[in-house]
Protein backbone atom coordinates (compact mmCIF):
# COMPACT_ATOMS: atom_id res chain seq x y z
CA UNK A 1 0.00 0.00 0.00
CA UNK A 2 1.56 3.30 -1.08
CA UNK A 3 -1.26 5.83 -0.68
CA UNK A 4 -4.45 5.64 1.34
CA UNK A 5 -7.52 7.56 2.45
CA UNK A 6 -8.61 6.81 6.01
CA UNK A 7 -12.32 6.59 5.13
CA UNK A 8 -11.53 3.98 2.45
CA UNK A 9 -9.63 1.65 4.81
CA UNK A 10 -11.68 -1.34 6.02
CA UNK A 11 -13.41 -0.60 9.34
CA UNK A 12 -13.59 -3.09 12.21
CA UNK A 13 -15.73 -2.73 15.32
CA UNK A 14 -13.00 -3.31 17.89
CA UNK A 15 -15.23 -2.96 20.96
CA UNK A 16 -18.75 -1.60 21.46
CA UNK A 17 -18.68 2.04 20.34
CA UNK A 18 -15.10 1.83 18.98
CA UNK A 19 -14.26 1.46 15.29
CA UNK A 20 -10.70 0.86 14.08
CA UNK A 21 -9.05 1.28 10.66
CA UNK A 22 -5.44 0.27 10.06
CA UNK A 23 -2.60 1.06 7.69
CA UNK A 24 0.76 -0.68 7.97
CA UNK A 25 4.10 -1.66 6.51
CA UNK A 26 6.41 -4.46 7.62
CA UNK A 27 7.66 -2.65 10.75
CA UNK A 28 5.14 0.08 11.61
CA UNK A 29 1.37 0.43 11.94
CA UNK A 30 -1.09 3.26 12.55
CA UNK A 31 -4.66 2.62 13.63
CA UNK A 32 -7.33 5.30 13.31
CA UNK A 33 -10.01 5.11 15.99
CA UNK A 34 -13.53 6.54 16.18
CA UNK A 35 -14.75 6.32 19.76
CA UNK A 36 -18.29 7.04 20.92
CA UNK A 37 -19.00 8.91 24.18
CA UNK A 38 -18.75 6.64 27.21
CA UNK A 39 -17.06 3.78 25.36
CA UNK A 40 -14.17 2.03 27.09
CA UNK A 41 -11.06 0.02 26.34
CA UNK A 42 -10.65 -2.37 29.29
CA UNK A 43 -7.37 -2.65 31.15
CA UNK A 44 -4.81 -4.65 29.20
CA UNK A 45 -1.15 -4.82 28.25
CA UNK A 46 0.73 -6.11 25.21
CA UNK A 47 4.30 -6.58 23.98
CA UNK A 48 3.99 -3.72 21.47
CA UNK A 49 5.15 -0.13 21.83
CA UNK A 50 2.14 2.18 21.43
CA UNK A 51 1.79 5.93 21.01
CA UNK A 52 -1.77 7.31 21.24
CA UNK A 53 -2.62 10.78 19.88
CA UNK A 54 -6.02 12.45 20.31
CA UNK A 55 -7.17 14.25 17.16
CA UNK A 56 -10.52 15.48 18.53
CA UNK A 57 -12.69 14.89 21.58
CA UNK A 58 -11.27 13.56 24.81
CA UNK A 59 -10.57 10.55 26.99
CA UNK A 60 -9.32 9.50 30.39
CA UNK A 61 -6.15 7.51 29.79
CA UNK A 62 -4.94 5.26 32.60
CA UNK A 63 -1.30 4.20 32.18
CA UNK A 64 0.21 2.13 34.98
CA UNK A 65 -0.57 4.08 38.16
CA UNK A 66 -1.23 7.39 36.38
CA UNK A 67 -4.42 8.89 34.95
CA UNK A 68 -4.50 11.82 32.52
CA UNK A 69 -7.35 13.49 30.70
CA UNK A 70 -6.29 13.78 27.07
CA UNK A 71 -7.83 16.23 24.60
CA UNK A 72 -7.05 17.16 21.00
CA UNK A 73 -3.31 17.66 20.58
CA UNK A 74 -2.25 15.46 23.50
CA UNK A 75 -1.29 11.84 23.80
CA UNK A 76 0.36 9.01 25.71
CA UNK A 77 3.33 6.70 25.19
CA UNK A 78 2.81 3.10 26.34
CA UNK A 79 5.92 0.99 26.79
CA UNK A 80 5.59 -2.77 26.22
CA UNK A 81 3.98 -4.70 29.08
CA UNK A 82 2.50 -1.67 30.90
CA UNK A 83 -1.20 -1.95 31.79
CA UNK A 84 -3.47 0.75 30.40
CA UNK A 85 -7.14 1.48 29.76
CA UNK A 86 -9.32 4.22 28.29
CA UNK A 87 -12.65 5.84 29.16
CA UNK A 88 -14.02 8.16 26.46
CA UNK A 89 -15.47 11.45 27.69
CA UNK A 90 -18.91 12.82 26.76
CA UNK A 91 -18.14 13.64 23.13
CA UNK A 92 -17.28 11.67 19.99
CA UNK A 93 -13.52 11.19 19.91
CA UNK A 94 -11.03 10.53 17.11
CA UNK A 95 -7.58 9.18 17.99
CA UNK A 96 -4.72 7.40 16.32
CA UNK A 97 -2.37 4.77 17.65
CA UNK A 98 1.12 4.13 16.29
CA UNK A 99 2.47 0.60 16.83
CA UNK A 100 5.79 -1.19 16.79
CA UNK A 101 5.84 -3.91 15.80
CA UNK A 102 2.53 -4.00 13.92
CA UNK A 103 -0.29 -5.89 15.62
CA UNK A 104 -0.94 -8.90 13.42
CA UNK A 105 -4.52 -9.25 14.69
CA UNK A 106 -5.30 -5.69 13.45
CA UNK A 107 -4.29 -6.37 9.82
PDB file of N, CA and C in Angstrom:
ATOM      1  N   UNK A   1       0.855  -1.173   0.000  1.00  0.00           N
ATOM      2  CA  UNK A   1       0.000   0.000   0.000  1.00  0.00           C
ATOM      3  C   UNK A   1       0.896   1.230   0.000  1.00  0.00           C
ATOM      4  N   UNK A   2       0.735   2.098  -0.990  1.00  0.00           N
ATOM      5  CA  UNK A   2       1.563   3.297  -1.080  1.00  0.00           C
ATOM      6  C   UNK A   2       0.817   4.539  -0.605  1.00  0.00           C
ATOM      7  N   UNK A   3      -0.426   4.694  -1.056  1.00  0.00           N
ATOM      8  CA  UNK A   3      -1.259   5.832  -0.677  1.00  0.00           C
ATOM      9  C   UNK A   3      -2.561   5.294  -0.102  1.00  0.00           C
ATOM     10  N   UNK A   4      -3.178   6.074   0.770  1.00  0.00           N
ATOM     11  CA  UNK A   4      -4.451   5.637   1.341  1.00  0.00           C
ATOM     12  C   UNK A   4      -5.285   6.846   1.733  1.00  0.00           C
ATOM     13  N   UNK A   5      -6.569   6.624   1.873  1.00  0.00           N
ATOM     14  CA  UNK A   5      -7.524   7.564   2.446  1.00  0.00           C
ATOM     15  C   UNK A   5      -8.155   6.852   3.640  1.00  0.00           C
ATOM     16  N   UNK A   6      -8.142   7.467   4.791  1.00  0.00           N
ATOM     17  CA  UNK A   6      -8.607   6.806   6.008  1.00  0.00           C
ATOM     18  C   UNK A   6     -10.015   6.251   5.827  1.00  0.00           C
ATOM     19  N   UNK A   7     -10.930   7.043   5.271  1.00  0.00           N
ATOM     20  CA  UNK A   7     -12.316   6.590   5.130  1.00  0.00           C
ATOM     21  C   UNK A   7     -12.460   5.390   4.196  1.00  0.00           C
ATOM     22  N   UNK A   8     -11.461   5.118   3.367  1.00  0.00           N
ATOM     23  CA  UNK A   8     -11.529   3.978   2.452  1.00  0.00           C
ATOM     24  C   UNK A   8     -10.868   2.723   3.023  1.00  0.00           C
ATOM     25  N   UNK A   9     -10.211   2.833   4.173  1.00  0.00           N
ATOM     26  CA  UNK A   9      -9.629   1.652   4.813  1.00  0.00           C
ATOM     27  C   UNK A   9     -10.756   0.822   5.428  1.00  0.00           C
ATOM     28  N   UNK A  10     -10.637  -0.507   5.412  1.00  0.00           N
ATOM     29  CA  UNK A  10     -11.683  -1.336   6.022  1.00  0.00           C
ATOM     30  C   UNK A  10     -11.852  -1.010   7.511  1.00  0.00           C
ATOM     31  N   UNK A  11     -13.107  -0.904   7.942  1.00  0.00           N
ATOM     32  CA  UNK A  11     -13.412  -0.601   9.339  1.00  0.00           C
ATOM     33  C   UNK A  11     -13.777  -1.876  10.091  1.00  0.00           C
ATOM     34  N   UNK A  12     -13.298  -1.964  11.333  1.00  0.00           N
ATOM     35  CA  UNK A  12     -13.586  -3.094  12.206  1.00  0.00           C
ATOM     36  C   UNK A  12     -14.129  -2.547  13.518  1.00  0.00           C
ATOM     37  N   UNK A  13     -15.263  -3.100  13.984  1.00  0.00           N
ATOM     38  CA  UNK A  13     -15.729  -2.726  15.322  1.00  0.00           C
ATOM     39  C   UNK A  13     -14.857  -3.476  16.324  1.00  0.00           C
ATOM     40  N   UNK A  14     -13.975  -2.741  16.968  1.00  0.00           N
ATOM     41  CA  UNK A  14     -13.000  -3.310  17.885  1.00  0.00           C
ATOM     42  C   UNK A  14     -13.654  -3.693  19.216  1.00  0.00           C
ATOM     43  N   UNK A  15     -14.476  -2.795  19.722  1.00  0.00           N
ATOM     44  CA  UNK A  15     -15.232  -2.961  20.959  1.00  0.00           C
ATOM     45  C   UNK A  15     -16.523  -2.176  20.775  1.00  0.00           C
ATOM     46  N   UNK A  16     -17.530  -2.398  21.616  1.00  0.00           N
ATOM     47  CA  UNK A  16     -18.754  -1.600  21.464  1.00  0.00           C
ATOM     48  C   UNK A  16     -18.450  -0.097  21.482  1.00  0.00           C
ATOM     49  N   UNK A  17     -18.879   0.602  20.438  1.00  0.00           N
ATOM     50  CA  UNK A  17     -18.675   2.040  20.339  1.00  0.00           C
ATOM     51  C   UNK A  17     -17.305   2.462  19.844  1.00  0.00           C
ATOM     52  N   UNK A  18     -16.464   1.499  19.435  1.00  0.00           N
ATOM     53  CA  UNK A  18     -15.104   1.829  18.982  1.00  0.00           C
ATOM     54  C   UNK A  18     -14.833   1.145  17.651  1.00  0.00           C
ATOM     55  N   UNK A  19     -14.572   1.960  16.625  1.00  0.00           N
ATOM     56  CA  UNK A  19     -14.262   1.457  15.293  1.00  0.00           C
ATOM     57  C   UNK A  19     -12.811   1.758  14.974  1.00  0.00           C
ATOM     58  N   UNK A  20     -12.137   0.763  14.384  1.00  0.00           N
ATOM     59  CA  UNK A  20     -10.705   0.862  14.081  1.00  0.00           C
ATOM     60  C   UNK A  20     -10.468   0.669  12.584  1.00  0.00           C
ATOM     61  N   UNK A  21      -9.557   1.456  12.024  1.00  0.00           N
ATOM     62  CA  UNK A  21      -9.053   1.283  10.660  1.00  0.00           C
ATOM     63  C   UNK A  21      -7.537   1.243  10.762  1.00  0.00           C
ATOM     64  N   UNK A  22      -6.885   0.437   9.934  1.00  0.00           N
ATOM     65  CA  UNK A  22      -5.436   0.273  10.060  1.00  0.00           C
ATOM     66  C   UNK A  22      -4.725   0.440   8.730  1.00  0.00           C
ATOM     67  N   UNK A  23      -3.525   1.000   8.818  1.00  0.00           N
ATOM     68  CA  UNK A  23      -2.601   1.064   7.691  1.00  0.00           C
ATOM     69  C   UNK A  23      -1.239   0.632   8.237  1.00  0.00           C
ATOM     70  N   UNK A  24      -0.473  -0.116   7.426  1.00  0.00           N
ATOM     71  CA  UNK A  24       0.757  -0.679   7.968  1.00  0.00           C
ATOM     72  C   UNK A  24       1.751  -1.026   6.864  1.00  0.00           C
ATOM     73  N   UNK A  25       2.997  -1.127   7.307  1.00  0.00           N
ATOM     74  CA  UNK A  25       4.098  -1.658   6.512  1.00  0.00           C
ATOM     75  C   UNK A  25       4.661  -2.844   7.296  1.00  0.00           C
ATOM     76  N   UNK A  26       5.836  -3.310   6.925  1.00  0.00           N
ATOM     77  CA  UNK A  26       6.407  -4.459   7.623  1.00  0.00           C
ATOM     78  C   UNK A  26       6.734  -4.175   9.089  1.00  0.00           C
ATOM     79  N   UNK A  27       7.154  -2.938   9.414  1.00  0.00           N
ATOM     80  CA  UNK A  27       7.661  -2.650  10.752  1.00  0.00           C
ATOM     81  C   UNK A  27       6.938  -1.546  11.501  1.00  0.00           C
ATOM     82  N   UNK A  28       5.869  -1.011  10.954  1.00  0.00           N
ATOM     83  CA  UNK A  28       5.145   0.079  11.607  1.00  0.00           C
ATOM     84  C   UNK A  28       3.665  -0.002  11.241  1.00  0.00           C
ATOM     85  N   UNK A  29       2.820   0.439  12.163  1.00  0.00           N
ATOM     86  CA  UNK A  29       1.370   0.434  11.939  1.00  0.00           C
ATOM     87  C   UNK A  29       0.764   1.666  12.595  1.00  0.00           C
ATOM     88  N   UNK A  30      -0.267   2.215  11.950  1.00  0.00           N
ATOM     89  CA  UNK A  30      -1.092   3.260  12.551  1.00  0.00           C
ATOM     90  C   UNK A  30      -2.536   2.779  12.492  1.00  0.00           C
ATOM     91  N   UNK A  31      -3.233   2.894  13.624  1.00  0.00           N
ATOM     92  CA  UNK A  31      -4.660   2.617  13.630  1.00  0.00           C
ATOM     93  C   UNK A  31      -5.397   3.917  13.908  1.00  0.00           C
ATOM     94  N   UNK A  32      -6.488   4.127  13.186  1.00  0.00           N
ATOM     95  CA  UNK A  32      -7.333   5.304  13.314  1.00  0.00           C
ATOM     96  C   UNK A  32      -8.596   4.864  14.037  1.00  0.00           C
ATOM     97  N   UNK A  33      -8.911   5.528  15.135  1.00  0.00           N
ATOM     98  CA  UNK A  33     -10.012   5.108  15.987  1.00  0.00           C
ATOM     99  C   UNK A  33     -11.109   6.165  16.048  1.00  0.00           C
ATOM    100  N   UNK A  34     -12.351   5.713  15.912  1.00  0.00           N
ATOM    101  CA  UNK A  34     -13.525   6.541  16.176  1.00  0.00           C
ATOM    102  C   UNK A  34     -14.171   5.959  17.425  1.00  0.00           C
ATOM    103  N   UNK A  35     -14.270   6.779  18.460  1.00  0.00           N
ATOM    104  CA  UNK A  35     -14.752   6.317  19.761  1.00  0.00           C
ATOM    105  C   UNK A  35     -15.995   7.108  20.161  1.00  0.00           C
ATOM    106  N   UNK A  36     -17.045   6.401  20.517  1.00  0.00           N
ATOM    107  CA  UNK A  36     -18.289   7.043  20.922  1.00  0.00           C
ATOM    108  C   UNK A  36     -18.225   7.438  22.396  1.00  0.00           C
ATOM    109  N   UNK A  37     -18.990   8.477  22.782  1.00  0.00           N
ATOM    110  CA  UNK A  37     -19.001   8.911  24.180  1.00  0.00           C
ATOM    111  C   UNK A  37     -19.305   7.745  25.122  1.00  0.00           C
ATOM    112  N   UNK A  38     -18.536   7.669  26.201  1.00  0.00           N
ATOM    113  CA  UNK A  38     -18.748   6.643  27.209  1.00  0.00           C
ATOM    114  C   UNK A  38     -18.169   5.276  26.891  1.00  0.00           C
ATOM    115  N   UNK A  39     -17.637   5.085  25.694  1.00  0.00           N
ATOM    116  CA  UNK A  39     -17.057   3.779  25.363  1.00  0.00           C
ATOM    117  C   UNK A  39     -15.756   3.588  26.138  1.00  0.00           C
ATOM    118  N   UNK A  40     -15.359   2.332  26.297  1.00  0.00           N
ATOM    119  CA  UNK A  40     -14.175   2.033  27.093  1.00  0.00           C
ATOM    120  C   UNK A  40     -13.305   0.980  26.413  1.00  0.00           C
ATOM    121  N   UNK A  41     -12.027   1.077  26.675  1.00  0.00           N
ATOM    122  CA  UNK A  41     -11.064   0.018  26.341  1.00  0.00           C
ATOM    123  C   UNK A  41     -10.636  -0.546  27.688  1.00  0.00           C
ATOM    124  N   UNK A  42     -10.982  -1.804  27.983  1.00  0.00           N
ATOM    125  CA  UNK A  42     -10.654  -2.365  29.293  1.00  0.00           C
ATOM    126  C   UNK A  42      -9.149  -2.444  29.533  1.00  0.00           C
ATOM    127  N   UNK A  43      -8.778  -2.555  30.792  1.00  0.00           N
ATOM    128  CA  UNK A  43      -7.366  -2.646  31.155  1.00  0.00           C
ATOM    129  C   UNK A  43      -6.722  -3.848  30.469  1.00  0.00           C
ATOM    130  N   UNK A  44      -5.547  -3.606  29.905  1.00  0.00           N
ATOM    131  CA  UNK A  44      -4.814  -4.652  29.199  1.00  0.00           C
ATOM    132  C   UNK A  44      -3.354  -4.221  29.061  1.00  0.00           C
ATOM    133  N   UNK A  45      -2.528  -5.137  28.616  1.00  0.00           N
ATOM    134  CA  UNK A  45      -1.150  -4.821  28.249  1.00  0.00           C
ATOM    135  C   UNK A  45      -0.797  -5.700  27.054  1.00  0.00           C
ATOM    136  N   UNK A  46       0.290  -5.366  26.388  1.00  0.00           N
ATOM    137  CA  UNK A  46       0.729  -6.111  25.209  1.00  0.00           C
ATOM    138  C   UNK A  46       2.225  -5.886  25.014  1.00  0.00           C
ATOM    139  N   UNK A  47       2.852  -6.704  24.185  1.00  0.00           N
ATOM    140  CA  UNK A  47       4.299  -6.584  23.984  1.00  0.00           C
ATOM    141  C   UNK A  47       4.696  -5.484  22.993  1.00  0.00           C
ATOM    142  N   UNK A  48       3.721  -4.753  22.471  1.00  0.00           N
ATOM    143  CA  UNK A  48       3.987  -3.716  21.468  1.00  0.00           C
ATOM    144  C   UNK A  48       4.251  -2.364  22.126  1.00  0.00           C
ATOM    145  N   UNK A  49       5.059  -1.536  21.475  1.00  0.00           N
ATOM    146  CA  UNK A  49       5.155  -0.129  21.828  1.00  0.00           C
ATOM    147  C   UNK A  49       3.951   0.559  21.197  1.00  0.00           C
ATOM    148  N   UNK A  50       3.339   1.498  21.921  1.00  0.00           N
ATOM    149  CA  UNK A  50       2.137   2.182  21.429  1.00  0.00           C
ATOM    150  C   UNK A  50       2.228   3.660  21.761  1.00  0.00           C
ATOM    151  N   UNK A  51       1.933   4.497  20.780  1.00  0.00           N
ATOM    152  CA  UNK A  51       1.788   5.931  21.010  1.00  0.00           C
ATOM    153  C   UNK A  51       0.370   6.288  20.592  1.00  0.00           C
ATOM    154  N   UNK A  52      -0.396   6.880  21.515  1.00  0.00           N
ATOM    155  CA  UNK A  52      -1.769   7.311  21.244  1.00  0.00           C
ATOM    156  C   UNK A  52      -1.790   8.825  21.132  1.00  0.00           C
ATOM    157  N   UNK A  53      -2.478   9.336  20.106  1.00  0.00           N
ATOM    158  CA  UNK A  53      -2.617  10.778  19.879  1.00  0.00           C
ATOM    159  C   UNK A  53      -4.092  11.088  19.681  1.00  0.00           C
ATOM    160  N   UNK A  54      -4.610  12.058  20.422  1.00  0.00           N
ATOM    161  CA  UNK A  54      -6.019  12.451  20.311  1.00  0.00           C
ATOM    162  C   UNK A  54      -6.143  13.553  19.268  1.00  0.00           C
ATOM    163  N   UNK A  55      -6.938  13.288  18.235  1.00  0.00           N
ATOM    164  CA  UNK A  55      -7.173  14.249  17.156  1.00  0.00           C
ATOM    165  C   UNK A  55      -8.301  15.200  17.530  1.00  0.00           C
ATOM    166  N   UNK A  56      -9.388  14.656  18.085  1.00  0.00           N
ATOM    167  CA  UNK A  56     -10.519  15.475  18.529  1.00  0.00           C
ATOM    168  C   UNK A  56     -11.243  14.739  19.646  1.00  0.00           C
ATOM    169  N   UNK A  57     -11.977  15.494  20.456  1.00  0.00           N
ATOM    170  CA  UNK A  57     -12.688  14.894  21.576  1.00  0.00           C
ATOM    171  C   UNK A  57     -11.788  14.753  22.782  1.00  0.00           C
ATOM    172  N   UNK A  58     -12.073  13.732  23.606  1.00  0.00           N
ATOM    173  CA  UNK A  58     -11.274  13.564  24.805  1.00  0.00           C
ATOM    174  C   UNK A  58     -11.481  12.215  25.464  1.00  0.00           C
ATOM    175  N   UNK A  59     -10.515  11.835  26.292  1.00  0.00           N
ATOM    176  CA  UNK A  59     -10.567  10.552  26.989  1.00  0.00           C
ATOM    177  C   UNK A  59      -9.769  10.621  28.273  1.00  0.00           C
ATOM    178  N   UNK A  60     -10.146   9.760  29.221  1.00  0.00           N
ATOM    179  CA  UNK A  60      -9.319   9.505  30.387  1.00  0.00           C
ATOM    180  C   UNK A  60      -8.413   8.346  30.004  1.00  0.00           C
ATOM    181  N   UNK A  61      -7.124   8.535  30.138  1.00  0.00           N
ATOM    182  CA  UNK A  61      -6.151   7.505  29.787  1.00  0.00           C
ATOM    183  C   UNK A  61      -5.437   7.082  31.058  1.00  0.00           C
ATOM    184  N   UNK A  62      -5.576   5.829  31.415  1.00  0.00           N
ATOM    185  CA  UNK A  62      -4.938   5.258  32.599  1.00  0.00           C
ATOM    186  C   UNK A  62      -3.721   4.463  32.122  1.00  0.00           C
ATOM    187  N   UNK A  63      -2.550   4.834  32.599  1.00  0.00           N
ATOM    188  CA  UNK A  63      -1.298   4.196  32.181  1.00  0.00           C
ATOM    189  C   UNK A  63      -0.515   3.838  33.436  1.00  0.00           C
ATOM    190  N   UNK A  64      -0.417   2.542  33.722  1.00  0.00           N
ATOM    191  CA  UNK A  64       0.208   2.135  34.979  1.00  0.00           C
ATOM    192  C   UNK A  64      -0.583   2.717  36.130  1.00  0.00           C
ATOM    193  N   UNK A  65       0.083   3.465  37.001  1.00  0.00           N
ATOM    194  CA  UNK A  65      -0.569   4.079  38.162  1.00  0.00           C
ATOM    195  C   UNK A  65      -1.018   5.513  37.915  1.00  0.00           C
ATOM    196  N   UNK A  66      -0.875   5.997  36.683  1.00  0.00           N
ATOM    197  CA  UNK A  66      -1.227   7.387  36.375  1.00  0.00           C
ATOM    198  C   UNK A  66      -2.518   7.475  35.574  1.00  0.00           C
ATOM    199  N   UNK A  67      -3.236   8.587  35.752  1.00  0.00           N
ATOM    200  CA  UNK A  67      -4.420   8.891  34.947  1.00  0.00           C
ATOM    201  C   UNK A  67      -4.267  10.314  34.426  1.00  0.00           C
ATOM    202  N   UNK A  68      -4.511  10.487  33.134  1.00  0.00           N
ATOM    203  CA  UNK A  68      -4.501  11.820  32.525  1.00  0.00           C
ATOM    204  C   UNK A  68      -5.747  11.967  31.678  1.00  0.00           C
ATOM    205  N   UNK A  69      -6.283  13.173  31.639  1.00  0.00           N
ATOM    206  CA  UNK A  69      -7.350  13.488  30.701  1.00  0.00           C
ATOM    207  C   UNK A  69      -6.680  14.047  29.460  1.00  0.00           C
ATOM    208  N   UNK A  70      -6.899  13.376  28.334  1.00  0.00           N
ATOM    209  CA  UNK A  70      -6.295  13.780  27.067  1.00  0.00           C
ATOM    210  C   UNK A  70      -7.344  14.435  26.186  1.00  0.00           C
ATOM    211  N   UNK A  71      -6.981  15.529  25.571  1.00  0.00           N
ATOM    212  CA  UNK A  71      -7.834  16.226  24.605  1.00  0.00           C
ATOM    213  C   UNK A  71      -7.053  16.387  23.313  1.00  0.00           C
ATOM    214  N   UNK A  72      -7.688  16.969  22.305  1.00  0.00           N
ATOM    215  CA  UNK A  72      -7.049  17.162  21.004  1.00  0.00           C
ATOM    216  C   UNK A  72      -5.665  17.781  21.176  1.00  0.00           C
ATOM    217  N   UNK A  73      -4.683  17.162  20.538  1.00  0.00           N
ATOM    218  CA  UNK A  73      -3.315  17.657  20.583  1.00  0.00           C
ATOM    219  C   UNK A  73      -2.451  17.011  21.643  1.00  0.00           C
ATOM    220  N   UNK A  74      -3.047  16.135  22.469  1.00  0.00           N
ATOM    221  CA  UNK A  74      -2.250  15.463  23.505  1.00  0.00           C
ATOM    222  C   UNK A  74      -2.259  13.962  23.287  1.00  0.00           C
ATOM    223  N   UNK A  75      -1.386  13.272  24.005  1.00  0.00           N
ATOM    224  CA  UNK A  75      -1.289  11.837  23.797  1.00  0.00           C
ATOM    225  C   UNK A  75      -0.583  11.137  24.929  1.00  0.00           C
ATOM    226  N   UNK A  76      -0.297   9.850  24.709  1.00  0.00           N
ATOM    227  CA  UNK A  76       0.360   9.014  25.711  1.00  0.00           C
ATOM    228  C   UNK A  76       1.290   8.024  25.014  1.00  0.00           C
ATOM    229  N   UNK A  77       2.386   7.705  25.680  1.00  0.00           N
ATOM    230  CA  UNK A  77       3.334   6.703  25.186  1.00  0.00           C
ATOM    231  C   UNK A  77       3.277   5.495  26.111  1.00  0.00           C
ATOM    232  N   UNK A  78       2.946   4.336  25.556  1.00  0.00           N
ATOM    233  CA  UNK A  78       2.808   3.100  26.339  1.00  0.00           C
ATOM    234  C   UNK A  78       3.971   2.176  26.030  1.00  0.00           C
ATOM    235  N   UNK A  79       4.856   1.965  26.994  1.00  0.00           N
ATOM    236  CA  UNK A  79       5.921   0.987  26.795  1.00  0.00           C
ATOM    237  C   UNK A  79       5.345  -0.435  26.780  1.00  0.00           C
ATOM    238  N   UNK A  80       6.048  -1.387  26.217  1.00  0.00           N
ATOM    239  CA  UNK A  80       5.585  -2.772  26.218  1.00  0.00           C
ATOM    240  C   UNK A  80       5.347  -3.285  27.633  1.00  0.00           C
ATOM    241  N   UNK A  81       4.266  -4.047  27.814  1.00  0.00           N
ATOM    242  CA  UNK A  81       3.980  -4.702  29.075  1.00  0.00           C
ATOM    243  C   UNK A  81       3.351  -3.843  30.150  1.00  0.00           C
ATOM    244  N   UNK A  82       3.098  -2.555  29.894  1.00  0.00           N
ATOM    245  CA  UNK A  82       2.504  -1.670  30.897  1.00  0.00           C
ATOM    246  C   UNK A  82       0.981  -1.673  30.739  1.00  0.00           C
ATOM    247  N   UNK A  83       0.262  -1.931  31.827  1.00  0.00           N
ATOM    248  CA  UNK A  83      -1.199  -1.954  31.787  1.00  0.00           C
ATOM    249  C   UNK A  83      -1.747  -0.560  31.515  1.00  0.00           C
ATOM    250  N   UNK A  84      -2.807  -0.519  30.711  1.00  0.00           N
ATOM    251  CA  UNK A  84      -3.466   0.746  30.404  1.00  0.00           C
ATOM    252  C   UNK A  84      -4.923   0.489  30.028  1.00  0.00           C
ATOM    253  N   UNK A  85      -5.732   1.547  30.144  1.00  0.00           N
ATOM    254  CA  UNK A  85      -7.136   1.479  29.762  1.00  0.00           C
ATOM    255  C   UNK A  85      -7.607   2.874  29.407  1.00  0.00           C
ATOM    256  N   UNK A  86      -8.791   2.953  28.760  1.00  0.00           N
ATOM    257  CA  UNK A  86      -9.317   4.224  28.291  1.00  0.00           C
ATOM    258  C   UNK A  86     -10.808   4.315  28.611  1.00  0.00           C
ATOM    259  N   UNK A  87     -11.238   5.510  29.024  1.00  0.00           N
ATOM    260  CA  UNK A  87     -12.654   5.838  29.158  1.00  0.00           C
ATOM    261  C   UNK A  87     -12.883   7.102  28.337  1.00  0.00           C
ATOM    262  N   UNK A  88     -13.748   7.016  27.327  1.00  0.00           N
ATOM    263  CA  UNK A  88     -14.018   8.164  26.457  1.00  0.00           C
ATOM    264  C   UNK A  88     -14.944   9.135  27.177  1.00  0.00           C
ATOM    265  N   UNK A  89     -14.648  10.420  27.053  1.00  0.00           N
ATOM    266  CA  UNK A  89     -15.470  11.451  27.687  1.00  0.00           C
ATOM    267  C   UNK A  89     -16.798  11.604  26.942  1.00  0.00           C
ATOM    268  N   UNK A  90     -17.540  12.645  27.264  1.00  0.00           N
ATOM    269  CA  UNK A  90     -18.910  12.822  26.764  1.00  0.00           C
ATOM    270  C   UNK A  90     -19.004  13.472  25.394  1.00  0.00           C
ATOM    271  N   UNK A  91     -18.089  13.117  24.494  1.00  0.00           N
ATOM    272  CA  UNK A  91     -18.143  13.635  23.126  1.00  0.00           C
ATOM    273  C   UNK A  91     -17.496  12.617  22.190  1.00  0.00           C
ATOM    274  N   UNK A  92     -17.947  12.563  20.938  1.00  0.00           N
ATOM    275  CA  UNK A  92     -17.278  11.666  19.992  1.00  0.00           C
ATOM    276  C   UNK A  92     -15.794  12.015  19.927  1.00  0.00           C
ATOM    277  N   UNK A  93     -14.966  10.989  19.849  1.00  0.00           N
ATOM    278  CA  UNK A  93     -13.518  11.192  19.906  1.00  0.00           C
ATOM    279  C   UNK A  93     -12.847  10.471  18.746  1.00  0.00           C
ATOM    280  N   UNK A  94     -11.854  11.117  18.164  1.00  0.00           N
ATOM    281  CA  UNK A  94     -11.033  10.526  17.111  1.00  0.00           C
ATOM    282  C   UNK A  94      -9.600  10.491  17.635  1.00  0.00           C
ATOM    283  N   UNK A  95      -8.965   9.329  17.522  1.00  0.00           N
ATOM    284  CA  UNK A  95      -7.583   9.182  17.987  1.00  0.00           C
ATOM    285  C   UNK A  95      -6.825   8.304  17.003  1.00  0.00           C
ATOM    286  N   UNK A  96      -5.522   8.340  17.097  1.00  0.00           N
ATOM    287  CA  UNK A  96      -4.722   7.396  16.321  1.00  0.00           C
ATOM    288  C   UNK A  96      -3.696   6.764  17.228  1.00  0.00           C
ATOM    289  N   UNK A  97      -3.387   5.516  16.929  1.00  0.00           N
ATOM    290  CA  UNK A  97      -2.369   4.766  17.648  1.00  0.00           C
ATOM    291  C   UNK A  97      -1.276   4.373  16.671  1.00  0.00           C
ATOM    292  N   UNK A  98      -0.026   4.606  17.055  1.00  0.00           N
ATOM    293  CA  UNK A  98       1.123   4.133  16.288  1.00  0.00           C
ATOM    294  C   UNK A  98       1.668   2.913  17.010  1.00  0.00           C
ATOM    295  N   UNK A  99       2.061   1.882  16.260  1.00  0.00           N
ATOM    296  CA  UNK A  99       2.469   0.600  16.829  1.00  0.00           C
ATOM    297  C   UNK A  99       3.810   0.129  16.286  1.00  0.00           C
ATOM    298  N   UNK A 100       4.596  -0.455  17.193  1.00  0.00           N
ATOM    299  CA  UNK A 100       5.786  -1.194  16.791  1.00  0.00           C
ATOM    300  C   UNK A 100       5.938  -2.388  17.723  1.00  0.00           C
ATOM    301  N   UNK A 101       6.084  -3.552  17.209  1.00  0.00           N
ATOM    302  CA  UNK A 101       5.835  -3.909  15.805  1.00  0.00           C
ATOM    303  C   UNK A 101       4.340  -3.871  15.517  1.00  0.00           C
ATOM    304  N   UNK A 102       3.949  -3.988  14.252  1.00  0.00           N
ATOM    305  CA  UNK A 102       2.528  -4.002  13.921  1.00  0.00           C
ATOM    306  C   UNK A 102       1.789  -5.124  14.654  1.00  0.00           C
ATOM    307  N   UNK A 103       0.540  -4.870  14.976  1.00  0.00           N
ATOM    308  CA  UNK A 103      -0.290  -5.885  15.622  1.00  0.00           C
ATOM    309  C   UNK A 103      -0.905  -6.757  14.535  1.00  0.00           C
ATOM    310  N   UNK A 104      -0.477  -7.981  14.463  1.00  0.00           N
ATOM    311  CA  UNK A 104      -0.936  -8.899  13.415  1.00  0.00           C
ATOM    312  C   UNK A 104      -2.459  -9.042  13.415  1.00  0.00           C
ATOM    313  N   UNK A 105      -3.072  -9.058  14.616  1.00  0.00           N
ATOM    314  CA  UNK A 105      -4.521  -9.247  14.685  1.00  0.00           C
ATOM    315  C   UNK A 105      -5.300  -8.021  14.196  1.00  0.00           C
ATOM    316  N   UNK A 106      -4.636  -6.891  13.955  1.00  0.00           N
ATOM    317  CA  UNK A 106      -5.297  -5.692  13.448  1.00  0.00           C
ATOM    318  C   UNK A 106      -5.200  -5.563  11.926  1.00  0.00           C
ATOM    319  N   UNK A 107      -4.442  -6.436  11.288  1.00  0.00           N
ATOM    320  CA  UNK A 107      -4.286  -6.369   9.824  1.00  0.00           C
ATOM    321  C   UNK A 107      -5.519  -6.925   9.131  1.00  0.00           C
TER     322      UNK A 107
END
